[in-house]
Amino acid sequence: MDAMTPLPYVGLTLHGLLFAALVGVCAFDDGDLAHDWTDCLIPLGLILVPLVFAAVGTRTRSSGALVVAAVMGVLVGLVSLTGPGLFVLVPAVIYGLAAVRIPAEP
């Protein structure tokens, strides 16, 4: 086990908590399913895609998948700079740092 091991897991945890919070805020209204919950599917999907790439990259120790997650997270964060996508920037930076720390295969 090397020093970079906890880094992508921190990003995954932050990203997962953000996703769960956004699902709760967007899809539910006073404990009931909101009438416009389908309007949340595309923004939540955009936040979920980098999370999936980061999970695959962490599981397979693939720096390429982590770089894709970092780039996609930054793009989502910059596109919705005033919205919830802004919070994806922190996990995206963590994914980028984790990708740099994965040793190259010989």
C-alpha atoms as a PDB file:
ATOM      1  CA  MET A   1       0.000   0.000   0.000  1.00  0.00           C
ATOM      2  CA  ASP A   2       1.535   3.304  -1.070  1.00  0.00           C
ATOM      3  CA  ALA A   3       1.044   6.888   0.078  1.00  0.00           C
ATOM      4  CA  MET A   4      -1.485   7.807  -2.628  1.00  0.00           C
ATOM      5  CA  THR A   5      -4.022   5.179  -1.664  1.00  0.00           C
ATOM      6  CA  PRO A   6      -6.380   7.342   0.452  1.00  0.00           C
ATOM      7  CA  LEU A   7      -6.378  10.303  -1.948  1.00  0.00           C
ATOM      8  CA  PRO A   8      -8.852   9.039  -4.574  1.00  0.00           C
ATOM      9  CA  TYR A   9     -11.072   7.633  -1.829  1.00  0.00           C
ATOM     10  CA  VAL A  10     -11.326  11.097  -0.287  1.00  0.00           C
ATOM     11  CA  GLY A  11     -12.421  12.455  -3.659  1.00  0.00           C
ATOM     12  CA  LEU A  12     -14.918   9.636  -4.130  1.00  0.00           C
ATOM     13  CA  THR A  13     -16.370  10.232  -0.668  1.00  0.00           C
ATOM     14  CA  LEU A  14     -16.759  13.977  -1.228  1.00  0.00           C
ATOM     15  CA  HIS A  15     -18.220  13.433  -4.683  1.00  0.00           C
ATOM     16  CA  GLY A  16     -20.614  10.743  -3.427  1.00  0.00           C
ATOM     17  CA  LEU A  17     -21.824  12.929  -0.565  1.00  0.00           C
ATOM     18  CA  LEU A  18     -22.353  15.808  -2.966  1.00  0.00           C
ATOM     19  CA  PHE A  19     -24.330  13.591  -5.328  1.00  0.00           C
ATOM     20  CA  ALA A  20     -26.518  12.242  -2.512  1.00  0.00           C
ATOM     21  CA  ALA A  21     -27.186  15.753  -1.200  1.00  0.00           C
ATOM     22  CA  LEU A  22     -28.120  17.018  -4.649  1.00  0.00           C
ATOM     23  CA  VAL A  23     -30.482  14.091  -5.197  1.00  0.00           C
ATOM     24  CA  GLY A  24     -32.169  14.906  -1.912  1.00  0.00           C
ATOM     25  CA  VAL A  25     -32.451  18.613  -2.640  1.00  0.00           C
ATOM     26  CA  CYS A  26     -33.524  18.282  -6.253  1.00  0.00           C
ATOM     27  CA  ALA A  27     -35.822  15.276  -6.253  1.00  0.00           C
ATOM     28  CA  PHE A  28     -37.697  15.712  -2.991  1.00  0.00           C
ATOM     29  CA  ASP A  29     -39.900  18.507  -1.739  1.00  0.00           C
ATOM     30  CA  ASP A  30     -41.006  18.433   1.913  1.00  0.00           C
ATOM     31  CA  GLY A  31     -40.480  14.679   2.119  1.00  0.00           C
ATOM     32  CA  ASP A  32     -42.450  13.855  -1.026  1.00  0.00           C
ATOM     33  CA  LEU A  33     -41.216  13.306  -4.542  1.00  0.00           C
ATOM     34  CA  ALA A  34     -41.214  16.672  -6.282  1.00  0.00           C
ATOM     35  CA  HIS A  35     -43.518  17.119  -9.244  1.00  0.00           C
ATOM     36  CA  ASP A  36     -40.592  18.282 -11.404  1.00  0.00           C
ATOM     37  CA  TRP A  37     -38.094  15.606 -10.365  1.00  0.00           C
ATOM     38  CA  THR A  38     -37.423  14.677 -13.985  1.00  0.00           C
ATOM     39  CA  ASP A  39     -35.820  18.096 -14.520  1.00  0.00           C
ATOM     40  CA  CYS A  40     -33.003  16.922 -12.225  1.00  0.00           C
ATOM     41  CA  LEU A  41     -31.959  13.892 -14.253  1.00  0.00           C
ATOM     42  CA  ILE A  42     -29.628  15.611 -16.725  1.00  0.00           C
ATOM     43  CA  PRO A  43     -27.746  17.761 -14.164  1.00  0.00           C
ATOM     44  CA  LEU A  44     -27.430  14.802 -11.795  1.00  0.00           C
ATOM     45  CA  GLY A  45     -26.232  12.622 -14.657  1.00  0.00           C
ATOM     46  CA  LEU A  46     -23.558  15.178 -15.510  1.00  0.00           C
ATOM     47  CA  ILE A  47     -22.327  15.051 -11.936  1.00  0.00           C
ATOM     48  CA  LEU A  48     -22.526  11.257 -11.826  1.00  0.00           C
ATOM     49  CA  VAL A  49     -20.374  10.586 -14.928  1.00  0.00           C
ATOM     50  CA  PRO A  50     -17.078  11.859 -13.429  1.00  0.00           C
ATOM     51  CA  LEU A  51     -17.873   9.899 -10.263  1.00  0.00           C
ATOM     52  CA  VAL A  52     -18.163   6.689 -12.277  1.00  0.00           C
ATOM     53  CA  PHE A  53     -14.877   7.330 -14.092  1.00  0.00           C
ATOM     54  CA  ALA A  54     -13.158   8.075 -10.786  1.00  0.00           C
ATOM     55  CA  ALA A  55     -14.525   4.887  -9.227  1.00  0.00           C
ATOM     56  CA  VAL A  56     -13.272   2.835 -12.170  1.00  0.00           C
ATOM     57  CA  GLY A  57      -9.904   4.592 -12.073  1.00  0.00           C
ATOM     58  CA  THR A  58      -9.552   4.008  -8.351  1.00  0.00           C
ATOM     59  CA  ARG A  59     -10.532   0.359  -8.597  1.00  0.00           C
ATOM     60  CA  THR A  60      -8.214  -0.423 -11.503  1.00  0.00           C
ATOM     61  CA  ARG A  61      -5.511   2.076 -10.459  1.00  0.00           C
ATOM     62  CA  SER A  62      -5.840   3.656 -13.893  1.00  0.00           C
ATOM     63  CA  SER A  63      -4.384   7.127 -14.088  1.00  0.00           C
ATOM     64  CA  GLY A  64      -6.170   7.603 -17.430  1.00  0.00           C
ATOM     65  CA  ALA A  65      -9.618   7.116 -15.934  1.00  0.00           C
ATOM     66  CA  LEU A  66      -8.757   9.453 -13.067  1.00  0.00           C
ATOM     67  CA  VAL A  67      -7.559  12.101 -15.524  1.00  0.00           C
ATOM     68  CA  VAL A  68     -10.821  11.763 -17.478  1.00  0.00           C
ATOM     69  CA  ALA A  69     -12.755  12.147 -14.205  1.00  0.00           C
ATOM     70  CA  ALA A  70     -10.693  15.210 -13.292  1.00  0.00           C
ATOM     71  CA  VAL A  71     -11.165  16.880 -16.688  1.00  0.00           C
ATOM     72  CA  MET A  72     -14.886  16.097 -16.799  1.00  0.00           C
ATOM     73  CA  GLY A  73     -15.315  17.332 -13.229  1.00  0.00           C
ATOM     74  CA  VAL A  74     -13.579  20.606 -14.029  1.00  0.00           C
ATOM     75  CA  LEU A  75     -15.707  21.058 -17.161  1.00  0.00           C
ATOM     76  CA  VAL A  76     -18.937  20.377 -15.253  1.00  0.00           C
ATOM     77  CA  GLY A  77     -17.802  22.720 -12.497  1.00  0.00           C
ATOM     78  CA  LEU A  78     -16.959  25.527 -14.901  1.00  0.00           C
ATOM     79  CA  VAL A  79     -20.133  25.151 -16.963  1.00  0.00           C
ATOM     80  CA  SER A  80     -22.301  25.542 -13.879  1.00  0.00           C
ATOM     81  CA  LEU A  81     -19.988  27.824 -11.930  1.00  0.00           C
ATOM     82  CA  THR A  82     -22.802  29.362  -9.905  1.00  0.00           C
ATOM     83  CA  GLY A  83     -24.684  26.097  -9.409  1.00  0.00           C
ATOM     84  CA  PRO A  84     -24.030  22.788  -7.710  1.00  0.00           C
ATOM     85  CA  GLY A  85     -21.427  21.799 -10.281  1.00  0.00           C
ATOM     86  CA  LEU A  86     -19.056  24.203  -8.564  1.00  0.00           C
ATOM     87  CA  PHE A  87     -18.635  21.691  -5.765  1.00  0.00           C
ATOM     88  CA  VAL A  88     -17.418  19.067  -8.252  1.00  0.00           C
ATOM     89  CA  LEU A  89     -14.236  21.118  -8.694  1.00  0.00           C
ATOM     90  CA  VAL A  90     -12.794  19.951  -5.356  1.00  0.00           C
ATOM     91  CA  PRO A  91     -13.115  16.211  -6.094  1.00  0.00           C
ATOM     92  CA  ALA A  92     -11.867  16.888  -9.649  1.00  0.00           C
ATOM     93  CA  VAL A  93      -8.660  18.416  -8.314  1.00  0.00           C
ATOM     94  CA  ILE A  94      -8.250  15.473  -5.953  1.00  0.00           C
ATOM     95  CA  TYR A  95      -8.704  13.035  -8.855  1.00  0.00           C
ATOM     96  CA  GLY A  96      -6.049  14.901 -10.816  1.00  0.00           C
ATOM     97  CA  LEU A  97      -3.617  14.740  -7.900  1.00  0.00           C
ATOM     98  CA  ALA A  98      -4.323  11.043  -7.439  1.00  0.00           C
ATOM     99  CA  ALA A  99      -3.702  10.390 -11.152  1.00  0.00           C
ATOM    100  CA  VAL A 100      -0.298  12.048 -10.946  1.00  0.00           C
ATOM    101  CA  ARG A 101       0.668   9.923  -7.937  1.00  0.00           C
ATOM    102  CA  ILE A 102      -0.127   6.574  -9.550  1.00  0.00           C
ATOM    103  CA  PRO A 103       3.195   5.012 -10.554  1.00  0.00           C
ATOM    104  CA  ALA A 104       3.650   4.196 -14.222  1.00  0.00           C
ATOM    105  CA  GLU A 105       3.573   0.525 -15.184  1.00  0.00           C
ATOM    106  CA  PRO A 106       6.869  -0.798 -16.548  1.00  0.00           C
END
